Protein backbone atom coordinates (compact mmCIF):
# COMPACT_ATOMS: atom_id res chain seq x y z
CA MET A 1 68.79 19.15 54.34
CA ASN A 2 67.07 22.52 54.80
CA TYR A 3 68.82 25.86 55.02
CA TRP A 4 67.41 29.14 56.26
CA LEU A 5 68.76 32.58 55.57
CA MET A 6 68.20 34.87 58.54
CA LYS A 7 68.00 38.56 57.73
CA SER A 8 67.92 41.85 59.57
CA GLU A 9 67.62 45.45 58.45
CA PRO A 10 71.08 46.97 57.86
CA SER A 11 70.29 49.84 60.20
CA VAL A 12 69.56 47.34 62.99
CA TYR A 13 72.29 44.71 62.44
CA GLY A 14 74.13 44.72 59.14
CA ILE A 15 76.53 42.32 57.45
CA ALA A 16 79.46 44.47 58.64
CA ASP A 17 78.33 43.88 62.23
CA LEU A 18 78.17 40.13 61.63
CA GLU A 19 81.61 40.09 60.01
CA GLN A 20 83.02 41.84 63.07
CA ASP A 21 81.15 39.72 65.66
CA LYS A 22 81.56 36.38 63.77
CA GLN A 23 78.49 34.97 65.58
CA THR A 24 75.26 36.35 67.00
CA ILE A 25 71.79 35.40 68.17
CA TRP A 26 68.59 36.23 66.34
CA ASP A 27 65.79 37.33 68.62
CA GLY A 28 62.62 39.37 68.37
CA VAL A 29 60.81 37.00 66.00
CA ARG A 30 57.13 37.96 66.07
CA ASN A 31 55.78 35.48 63.53
CA TYR A 32 55.05 32.23 65.38
CA GLN A 33 55.65 29.99 62.38
CA ALA A 34 59.01 31.66 61.67
CA ARG A 35 59.92 31.41 65.37
CA ASN A 36 59.18 27.67 65.32
CA PHE A 37 61.29 27.18 62.18
CA CYS A 38 64.17 29.04 63.84
CA ALA A 39 63.92 26.85 66.91
CA ARG A 40 64.32 23.73 64.76
CA CYS A 41 67.36 25.10 62.88
CA SER A 42 70.81 23.77 63.53
CA LEU A 43 74.13 25.39 62.72
CA ALA A 44 75.29 24.82 59.17
CA ILE A 45 79.06 24.81 59.13
């Protein structure tokens, strides 16, 4: 099973924001290969 760690700059969307929101979407991926990997990801619970 593969896992991917999605990251954002703290000034854009930090871990405190994620803790408060509990769930979010990740958009704005400019690298086509990374975008394709993200599309194939499933939630890991």
